[in-house]
Amino acid sequence: MSLSDTAIKNAKPKSDKAYKLPDEKGMYCYITPNGSKYFRLDYRFNGKRKTLAIGVYPDTSLKQAREIRDTARKQIAEGIDPGAIKKAAKIAKANDFERISRDWLTSIANGLSVLTLHNKTQRFERHVFPVIGAMPISNIKPADIMRTVKTLVDKKEFETAKRVRAEISAAFVYAIAHEFTDYDPAQSVTAQIPTEKTKHRLAITEPKQVGQLLRDIDNYNGSFVVNCAFKLSPLLFQRPGEIRQMEWKDIDLDTKEWRYLVSKTDVQHIVPLSTQAIAILKELQPVTGNGRYVFPCSHKNSKPMSACTIRTALITLGYADTMTAHGFRTTASTLLNEQGWSPDAIERQLCHMPKDQVRKAYNRAQYLPERRRMMQAWADYLDILKTG
């Protein structure tokens, strides 16, 4: 007699040994002492007795188990060993690109910041795994890599496409070192990704125009929190994302310093605060000082202000074609260099780290005394421009 789903469901384990509930055509349900239930098929191939593991009940239903059994019996009749096919598939699964890439990401995790590792993983999950993640790594060809980045190229997201290709290549280097494959098919795709034309961020650098911008900022009709962020941006000229994510715990109003980790360069940065910047922060403290962020989101205090807030404010004021939130950095760098301040102090204030790795390792000077003078002089200079 054939098995029924009810019989399998009601089958109880025996404490002393496993036993079988037979079905038809060599298949049975194997009941273990701990209550686990496995579908199996006994068969003979080339004169040898073999057993094929079909699935675990109830994840594999009785109907599904019979379908797998019938397919296996057909393979046996055609001279194909279903056990060998399953083993080959298991090996291929163990060597698929997604598993090896995740192993590579794990291997480099200690040398990366949490954010950098998260971003790399996100790029693989968003752009790579849906296309080649399930493929055995040794079967992947250059055309498959090109197919992976093509969507980004078509969208003209060339820098992201290049980054994704480079990270795929790094995963292949890991795979080669661990003998999963012999070559890196991503190498030949490099030249197929167009180079994006450099776009300089919009910025006002003419003093008279800067003065007008500052007056317009003072007259901007936004919320109190946004107005404070808007007024502080030209005084600090840090990256827009760093300013909007500024946290109260990192600010010392007594020493007039803002100390935080710059995730882009993985550097602990110190920003001297001018008296003008301190005045804005003290005015804002009673409003947002009990929360985490200096500039919280308008509808959710647990999140920072939106990334497009300052950009939107500039557009509202009519600066869509002349100024961006990032442009405050260019404005400060240009005018401070013209005024004769030390380029090293300016670059350190901008948190631009030297590309020369040796110089980066040894040039740890903070230039703090000079930067304190520079930041106060800069704030005073902006006041002069604002008054015309």
Protein backbone atom coordinates (compact mmCIF):
# COMPACT_ATOMS: atom_id res chain seq x y z
CA MET A 1 0.00 0.00 0.00
CA SER A 2 1.15 3.54 -0.71
CA LEU A 3 1.73 6.14 1.97
CA SER A 4 -0.70 8.90 2.88
CA ASP A 5 0.02 12.33 4.25
CA THR A 6 -2.00 11.52 7.35
CA ALA A 7 0.06 8.40 8.02
CA ILE A 8 3.31 10.37 7.82
CA LYS A 9 1.94 13.17 9.99
CA ASN A 10 0.77 10.73 12.67
CA ALA A 11 3.90 8.57 12.64
CA LYS A 12 5.57 8.61 16.08
CA PRO A 13 9.30 8.06 16.69
CA LYS A 14 10.57 4.94 18.39
CA SER A 15 13.04 5.63 21.16
CA ASP A 16 15.35 2.73 20.38
CA LYS A 17 15.80 2.90 16.60
CA ALA A 18 14.79 4.47 13.30
CA TYR A 19 12.24 2.79 11.06
CA LYS A 20 10.71 3.06 7.57
CA LEU A 21 7.22 3.78 6.29
CA PRO A 22 7.26 2.29 2.76
CA ASP A 23 5.66 3.97 -0.24
CA GLU A 24 5.77 2.76 -3.84
CA LYS A 25 8.64 2.20 -6.32
CA GLY A 26 11.42 2.05 -3.73
CA MET A 27 10.57 5.28 -1.88
CA TYR A 28 9.90 5.42 1.85
CA CYS A 29 9.72 7.84 4.77
CA TYR A 30 12.55 7.34 7.25
CA ILE A 31 11.55 8.17 10.85
CA THR A 32 14.45 8.85 13.26
CA PRO A 33 14.34 8.49 17.07
CA ASN A 34 14.26 12.29 17.44
CA GLY A 35 11.12 12.50 15.29
CA SER A 36 12.67 13.80 12.04
CA LYS A 37 11.10 12.45 8.85
CA TYR A 38 13.09 12.00 5.63
CA PHE A 39 11.96 10.87 2.18
CA ARG A 40 14.45 8.47 0.59
CA LEU A 41 14.72 6.27 -2.48
CA ASP A 42 16.64 3.00 -2.60
CA TYR A 43 17.83 2.04 -6.09
CA ARG A 44 20.51 0.06 -7.90
CA PHE A 45 22.92 1.58 -10.39
CA ASN A 46 25.66 -0.36 -12.19
CA GLY A 47 25.01 -3.28 -9.87
CA LYS A 48 25.44 -1.22 -6.69
CA ARG A 49 22.78 -0.47 -4.12
CA LYS A 50 22.37 3.27 -3.49
CA THR A 51 20.12 5.64 -1.56
CA LEU A 52 18.94 9.05 -2.78
CA ALA A 53 17.95 11.64 -0.16
CA ILE A 54 14.79 13.24 -1.55
CA GLY A 55 13.76 15.76 1.11
CA VAL A 56 12.61 16.43 4.66
CA TYR A 57 8.93 16.25 5.61
CA PRO A 58 6.94 18.53 5.80
CA ASP A 59 9.18 20.98 3.87
CA THR A 60 9.01 18.45 1.06
CA SER A 61 5.44 17.21 0.67
CA LEU A 62 4.52 13.63 -0.21
CA LYS A 63 3.44 14.77 -3.67
CA GLN A 64 6.75 16.58 -4.27
CA ALA A 65 8.71 13.56 -3.03
CA ARG A 66 6.93 11.29 -5.50
CA GLU A 67 7.64 13.69 -8.36
CA ILE A 68 11.36 13.69 -7.46
CA ARG A 69 11.27 9.89 -7.17
CA ASP A 70 9.67 9.51 -10.63
CA THR A 71 12.28 11.85 -12.17
CA ALA A 72 15.07 9.86 -10.53
CA ARG A 73 13.70 6.54 -11.78
CA LYS A 74 13.49 7.95 -15.30
CA GLN A 75 17.16 9.05 -15.05
CA ILE A 76 18.15 5.57 -13.88
CA ALA A 77 16.33 4.03 -16.85
CA GLU A 78 18.34 6.33 -19.14
CA GLY A 79 21.63 5.28 -17.55
CA ILE A 80 22.02 8.40 -15.41
CA ASP A 81 22.81 8.22 -11.70
CA PRO A 82 20.49 10.69 -9.87
CA GLY A 83 22.76 10.61 -6.83
CA ALA A 84 25.72 11.79 -8.92
CA ILE A 85 23.64 14.60 -10.38
CA LYS A 86 22.58 15.76 -6.92
CA LYS A 87 26.19 15.65 -5.69
CA ALA A 88 27.37 17.72 -8.67
CA ALA A 89 24.61 20.26 -8.03
CA LYS A 90 25.61 20.46 -4.38
CA ILE A 91 29.25 21.11 -5.32
CA ALA A 92 28.16 23.78 -7.82
CA LYS A 93 26.01 25.40 -5.14
CA ALA A 94 28.95 25.44 -2.73
CA ASN A 95 31.02 27.21 -5.41
CA ASP A 96 28.42 29.73 -6.53
CA PHE A 97 29.53 33.33 -6.86
CA GLU A 98 27.33 34.68 -4.07
CA ARG A 99 28.70 32.33 -1.42
CA ILE A 100 32.31 32.97 -2.41
CA SER A 101 31.72 36.74 -2.57
CA ARG A 102 30.23 36.73 0.91
CA ASP A 103 33.24 34.77 2.14
CA TRP A 104 35.48 37.43 0.57
CA LEU A 105 33.50 40.23 2.25
CA THR A 106 33.86 38.45 5.59
CA SER A 107 37.62 38.09 5.04
CA ILE A 108 38.11 41.86 4.56
CA ALA A 109 35.63 43.02 7.22
CA ASN A 110 38.26 43.72 9.90
CA GLY A 111 40.04 46.22 7.66
CA LEU A 112 36.92 48.23 6.80
CA SER A 113 34.62 50.58 8.63
CA VAL A 114 31.11 49.29 9.32
CA LEU A 115 29.69 51.75 6.78
CA THR A 116 32.14 50.79 4.02
CA LEU A 117 31.44 47.07 4.49
CA HIS A 118 27.70 47.77 4.47
CA ASN A 119 27.96 49.75 1.24
CA LYS A 120 30.01 47.03 -0.50
CA THR A 121 27.53 44.37 0.57
CA GLN A 122 24.62 46.50 -0.60
CA ARG A 123 26.18 46.93 -4.05
CA PHE A 124 26.59 43.16 -4.41
CA GLU A 125 23.05 42.48 -3.23
CA ARG A 126 21.53 45.17 -5.44
CA HIS A 127 23.56 44.89 -8.65
CA VAL A 128 25.51 41.62 -8.70
CA PHE A 129 23.80 38.69 -6.96
CA PRO A 130 20.52 39.00 -8.91
CA VAL A 131 22.49 38.51 -12.15
CA ILE A 132 25.38 36.11 -11.43
CA GLY A 133 25.00 35.22 -7.75
CA ALA A 134 23.69 31.70 -8.38
CA MET A 135 26.24 30.85 -11.09
CA PRO A 136 29.18 28.52 -10.34
CA ILE A 137 32.14 30.86 -10.22
CA SER A 138 34.18 28.85 -12.73
CA ASN A 139 31.38 29.21 -15.31
CA ILE A 140 31.26 33.02 -15.23
CA LYS A 141 32.54 34.69 -18.40
CA PRO A 142 33.36 38.34 -19.25
CA ALA A 143 29.97 38.64 -20.97
CA ASP A 144 28.28 37.79 -17.66
CA ILE A 145 30.22 40.57 -15.90
CA MET A 146 29.29 43.00 -18.67
CA ARG A 147 25.67 41.96 -18.28
CA THR A 148 25.95 42.72 -14.56
CA VAL A 149 27.14 46.32 -15.02
CA LYS A 150 25.19 47.08 -18.20
CA THR A 151 22.15 48.44 -16.34
CA LEU A 152 24.38 50.94 -14.52
CA VAL A 153 26.12 51.90 -17.77
CA ASP A 154 22.76 52.41 -19.51
CA LYS A 155 21.76 54.75 -16.67
CA LYS A 156 25.10 56.57 -17.11
CA GLU A 157 26.08 55.67 -13.55
CA PHE A 158 29.62 55.07 -14.74
CA GLU A 159 31.40 55.52 -11.41
CA THR A 160 29.13 53.01 -9.70
CA ALA A 161 29.61 50.61 -12.62
CA LYS A 162 33.38 50.90 -12.28
CA ARG A 163 33.22 50.34 -8.53
CA VAL A 164 31.00 47.27 -8.92
CA ARG A 165 33.32 45.80 -11.57
CA ALA A 166 36.37 46.41 -9.35
CA GLU A 167 34.68 44.71 -6.40
CA ILE A 168 33.67 41.73 -8.53
CA SER A 169 37.31 41.52 -9.64
CA ALA A 170 38.47 41.56 -6.01
CA ALA A 171 36.10 38.68 -5.22
CA PHE A 172 37.62 36.74 -8.12
CA VAL A 173 41.14 37.38 -6.81
CA TYR A 174 40.01 35.84 -3.52
CA ALA A 175 38.48 32.88 -5.40
CA ILE A 176 41.69 32.31 -7.38
CA ALA A 177 43.77 32.31 -4.19
CA HIS A 178 41.45 29.67 -2.69
CA GLU A 179 41.43 27.54 -5.88
CA PHE A 180 37.76 28.01 -6.74
CA THR A 181 38.64 29.26 -10.23
CA ASP A 182 41.66 30.02 -12.40
CA TYR A 183 41.11 33.49 -13.82
CA ASP A 184 39.35 36.81 -13.37
CA PRO A 185 36.80 37.51 -16.16
CA ALA A 186 36.11 41.00 -14.78
CA GLN A 187 39.50 42.29 -15.96
CA SER A 188 38.56 42.48 -19.62
CA VAL A 189 35.40 44.48 -18.84
CA THR A 190 37.36 47.48 -17.52
CA ALA A 191 37.75 49.19 -20.88
CA GLN A 192 34.09 48.66 -21.76
CA ILE A 193 32.82 51.05 -19.07
CA PRO A 194 32.87 54.68 -20.31
CA THR A 195 34.66 57.32 -18.29
CA GLU A 196 32.35 59.93 -16.84
CA LYS A 197 33.21 63.52 -17.65
CA THR A 198 34.29 65.40 -14.55
CA LYS A 199 31.56 67.69 -13.27
CA HIS A 200 32.67 70.47 -10.99
CA ARG A 201 30.17 71.27 -8.27
CA LEU A 202 28.55 74.67 -8.57
CA ALA A 203 30.02 77.25 -6.19
CA ILE A 204 30.12 81.02 -5.81
CA THR A 205 33.65 82.36 -5.29
CA GLU A 206 33.32 86.07 -6.08
CA PRO A 207 33.24 87.98 -2.75
CA LYS A 208 30.44 90.36 -3.73
CA GLN A 209 28.20 87.45 -4.78
CA VAL A 210 29.08 85.57 -1.58
CA GLY A 211 27.90 88.60 0.41
CA GLN A 212 24.58 88.61 -1.44
CA LEU A 213 24.19 84.87 -0.81
CA LEU A 214 24.77 85.37 2.92
CA ARG A 215 22.14 88.11 3.04
CA ASP A 216 19.70 85.85 1.20
CA ILE A 217 20.40 83.04 3.67
CA ASP A 218 19.65 85.38 6.58
CA ASN A 219 16.31 86.23 4.96
CA TYR A 220 15.38 82.63 4.09
CA ASN A 221 11.88 81.80 5.27
CA GLY A 222 12.35 78.25 6.53
CA SER A 223 11.92 76.47 9.84
CA PHE A 224 14.13 77.55 12.72
CA VAL A 225 16.18 74.32 12.60
CA VAL A 226 16.71 74.56 8.82
CA ASN A 227 17.61 78.25 9.11
CA CYS A 228 20.28 77.40 11.68
CA ALA A 229 21.73 74.64 9.48
CA PHE A 230 21.68 77.02 6.50
CA LYS A 231 23.53 79.76 8.41
CA LEU A 232 26.06 77.32 9.86
CA SER A 233 27.00 75.74 6.50
CA PRO A 234 29.22 78.58 5.20
CA LEU A 235 30.84 78.99 8.64
CA LEU A 236 31.95 75.35 8.88
CA PHE A 237 32.31 74.31 5.21
CA GLN A 238 32.40 70.62 6.11
CA ARG A 239 30.69 68.06 3.88
CA PRO A 240 26.90 68.57 3.77
CA GLY A 241 26.26 65.04 5.02
CA GLU A 242 28.52 65.61 8.01
CA ILE A 243 26.76 68.85 8.96
CA ARG A 244 23.23 67.46 8.71
CA GLN A 245 24.26 64.40 10.77
CA MET A 246 26.04 66.49 13.44
CA GLU A 247 25.39 65.11 16.93
CA TRP A 248 25.26 67.07 20.19
CA LYS A 249 27.56 64.59 21.93
CA ASP A 250 30.36 65.60 19.54
CA ILE A 251 30.11 69.32 20.28
CA ASP A 252 31.93 71.05 23.14
CA LEU A 253 30.67 74.60 23.43
CA ASP A 254 33.21 75.43 26.15
CA THR A 255 36.30 74.45 24.13
CA LYS A 256 34.59 75.60 20.91
CA GLU A 257 35.18 72.32 19.10
CA TRP A 258 33.24 69.80 17.06
CA ARG A 259 34.97 66.38 17.12
CA TYR A 260 33.62 63.50 15.02
CA LEU A 261 34.63 60.57 12.82
CA VAL A 262 34.68 61.36 9.11
CA SER A 263 33.44 58.12 7.56
CA LYS A 264 34.61 59.09 4.05
CA THR A 265 38.27 59.22 5.13
CA ASP A 266 37.99 57.23 8.38
CA VAL A 267 39.65 60.07 10.30
CA GLN A 268 38.86 61.62 13.67
CA HIS A 269 38.36 65.25 12.73
CA ILE A 270 38.39 68.41 14.86
CA VAL A 271 36.51 71.49 13.67
CA PRO A 272 37.29 74.70 15.61
CA LEU A 273 34.08 76.68 16.10
CA SER A 274 34.02 80.46 15.69
CA THR A 275 32.09 82.68 18.06
CA GLN A 276 29.48 83.10 15.31
CA ALA A 277 29.06 79.30 15.01
CA ILE A 278 28.83 78.96 18.81
CA ALA A 279 26.10 81.62 18.90
CA ILE A 280 23.99 79.68 16.38
CA LEU A 281 24.44 76.41 18.28
CA LYS A 282 23.59 77.98 21.65
CA GLU A 283 20.43 79.45 20.18
CA LEU A 284 19.48 76.04 18.76
CA GLN A 285 20.38 73.97 21.85
CA PRO A 286 17.12 74.59 23.77
CA VAL A 287 15.17 73.38 20.73
CA THR A 288 17.03 70.18 19.73
CA GLY A 289 19.59 69.74 22.53
CA ASN A 290 17.66 66.92 24.22
CA GLY A 291 17.88 64.74 21.12
CA ARG A 292 20.72 63.03 19.29
CA TYR A 293 20.98 65.25 16.24
CA VAL A 294 21.68 68.97 16.14
CA PHE A 295 19.53 69.16 12.98
CA PRO A 296 16.88 66.43 13.29
CA CYS A 297 14.37 65.50 10.62
CA SER A 298 11.27 67.67 10.82
CA HIS A 299 8.90 64.70 11.25
CA LYS A 300 11.16 62.21 13.06
CA ASN A 301 13.67 63.36 15.68
CA SER A 302 15.48 60.02 15.63
CA LYS A 303 16.74 60.76 12.10
CA PRO A 304 18.91 63.61 10.81
CA MET A 305 17.73 66.34 8.50
CA SER A 306 17.11 65.26 4.90
CA ALA A 307 20.07 65.24 2.50
CA CYS A 308 18.31 67.60 0.08
CA THR A 309 17.20 70.24 2.61
CA ILE A 310 19.99 72.79 2.05
CA ARG A 311 20.04 72.12 -1.69
CA THR A 312 16.28 72.79 -1.81
CA ALA A 313 16.74 75.99 0.19
CA LEU A 314 19.36 77.23 -2.28
CA ILE A 315 17.04 76.45 -5.21
CA THR A 316 14.21 78.32 -3.47
CA LEU A 317 16.49 81.35 -3.16
CA GLY A 318 17.27 81.21 -6.89
CA TYR A 319 20.72 79.61 -6.76
CA ALA A 320 19.86 76.39 -8.65
CA ASP A 321 22.45 77.12 -11.37
CA THR A 322 25.16 78.78 -9.27
CA MET A 323 25.48 77.12 -5.86
CA THR A 324 25.16 73.74 -4.12
CA ALA A 325 25.41 72.68 -0.48
CA HIS A 326 28.82 71.20 -1.25
CA GLY A 327 29.79 74.48 -2.89
CA PHE A 328 30.39 76.14 0.49
CA ARG A 329 33.57 74.05 0.69
CA THR A 330 34.78 75.36 -2.66
CA THR A 331 33.91 78.93 -1.68
CA ALA A 332 35.93 78.70 1.53
CA SER A 333 38.88 76.89 -0.05
CA THR A 334 39.13 79.37 -2.92
CA LEU A 335 38.90 82.56 -0.86
CA LEU A 336 41.09 81.33 2.02
CA ASN A 337 43.83 80.34 -0.43
CA GLU A 338 43.57 83.75 -2.08
CA GLN A 339 43.95 85.37 1.36
CA GLY A 340 47.23 83.53 1.93
CA TRP A 341 46.27 80.97 4.56
CA SER A 342 48.39 77.83 4.68
CA PRO A 343 47.20 75.28 2.05
CA ASP A 344 47.98 72.50 4.54
CA ALA A 345 45.73 74.07 7.18
CA ILE A 346 42.94 74.60 4.64
CA GLU A 347 43.16 71.01 3.36
CA ARG A 348 43.20 69.68 6.93
CA GLN A 349 40.14 71.78 7.76
CA LEU A 350 38.39 70.33 4.69
CA CYS A 351 39.56 66.88 5.88
CA HIS A 352 41.22 66.18 2.56
CA MET A 353 43.77 63.47 3.32
CA PRO A 354 47.00 63.25 1.26
CA LYS A 355 46.85 60.75 -1.61
CA ASP A 356 50.50 59.92 -0.95
CA GLN A 357 50.16 57.05 1.53
CA VAL A 358 53.57 57.71 3.09
CA ARG A 359 52.74 61.38 3.64
CA LYS A 360 49.32 60.37 4.92
CA ALA A 361 50.90 58.06 7.49
CA TYR A 362 53.38 60.62 8.81
CA ASN A 363 51.55 63.91 8.29
CA ARG A 364 49.26 63.77 11.30
CA ALA A 365 49.63 67.42 12.17
CA GLN A 366 46.30 68.94 13.10
CA TYR A 367 47.38 72.56 12.46
CA LEU A 368 44.92 73.37 15.24
CA PRO A 369 46.33 76.74 16.40
CA GLU A 370 46.37 78.04 12.84
CA ARG A 371 42.96 76.54 12.05
CA ARG A 372 41.44 78.17 15.13
CA ARG A 373 42.67 81.56 13.92
CA MET A 374 41.62 80.78 10.36
CA MET A 375 38.06 79.71 11.25
CA GLN A 376 37.47 82.82 13.36
CA ALA A 377 38.98 85.06 10.67
CA TRP A 378 36.78 83.33 8.08
CA ALA A 379 33.62 83.95 10.11
CA ASP A 380 34.60 87.60 10.61
CA TYR A 381 35.29 87.94 6.87
CA LEU A 382 31.83 86.52 6.04
CA ASP A 383 30.29 89.12 8.38
CA ILE A 384 32.10 91.84 6.47
CA LEU A 385 30.88 90.47 3.11
CA LYS A 386 27.33 90.21 4.45
CA THR A 387 27.27 93.88 5.47
CA GLY A 388 28.53 94.82 2.01
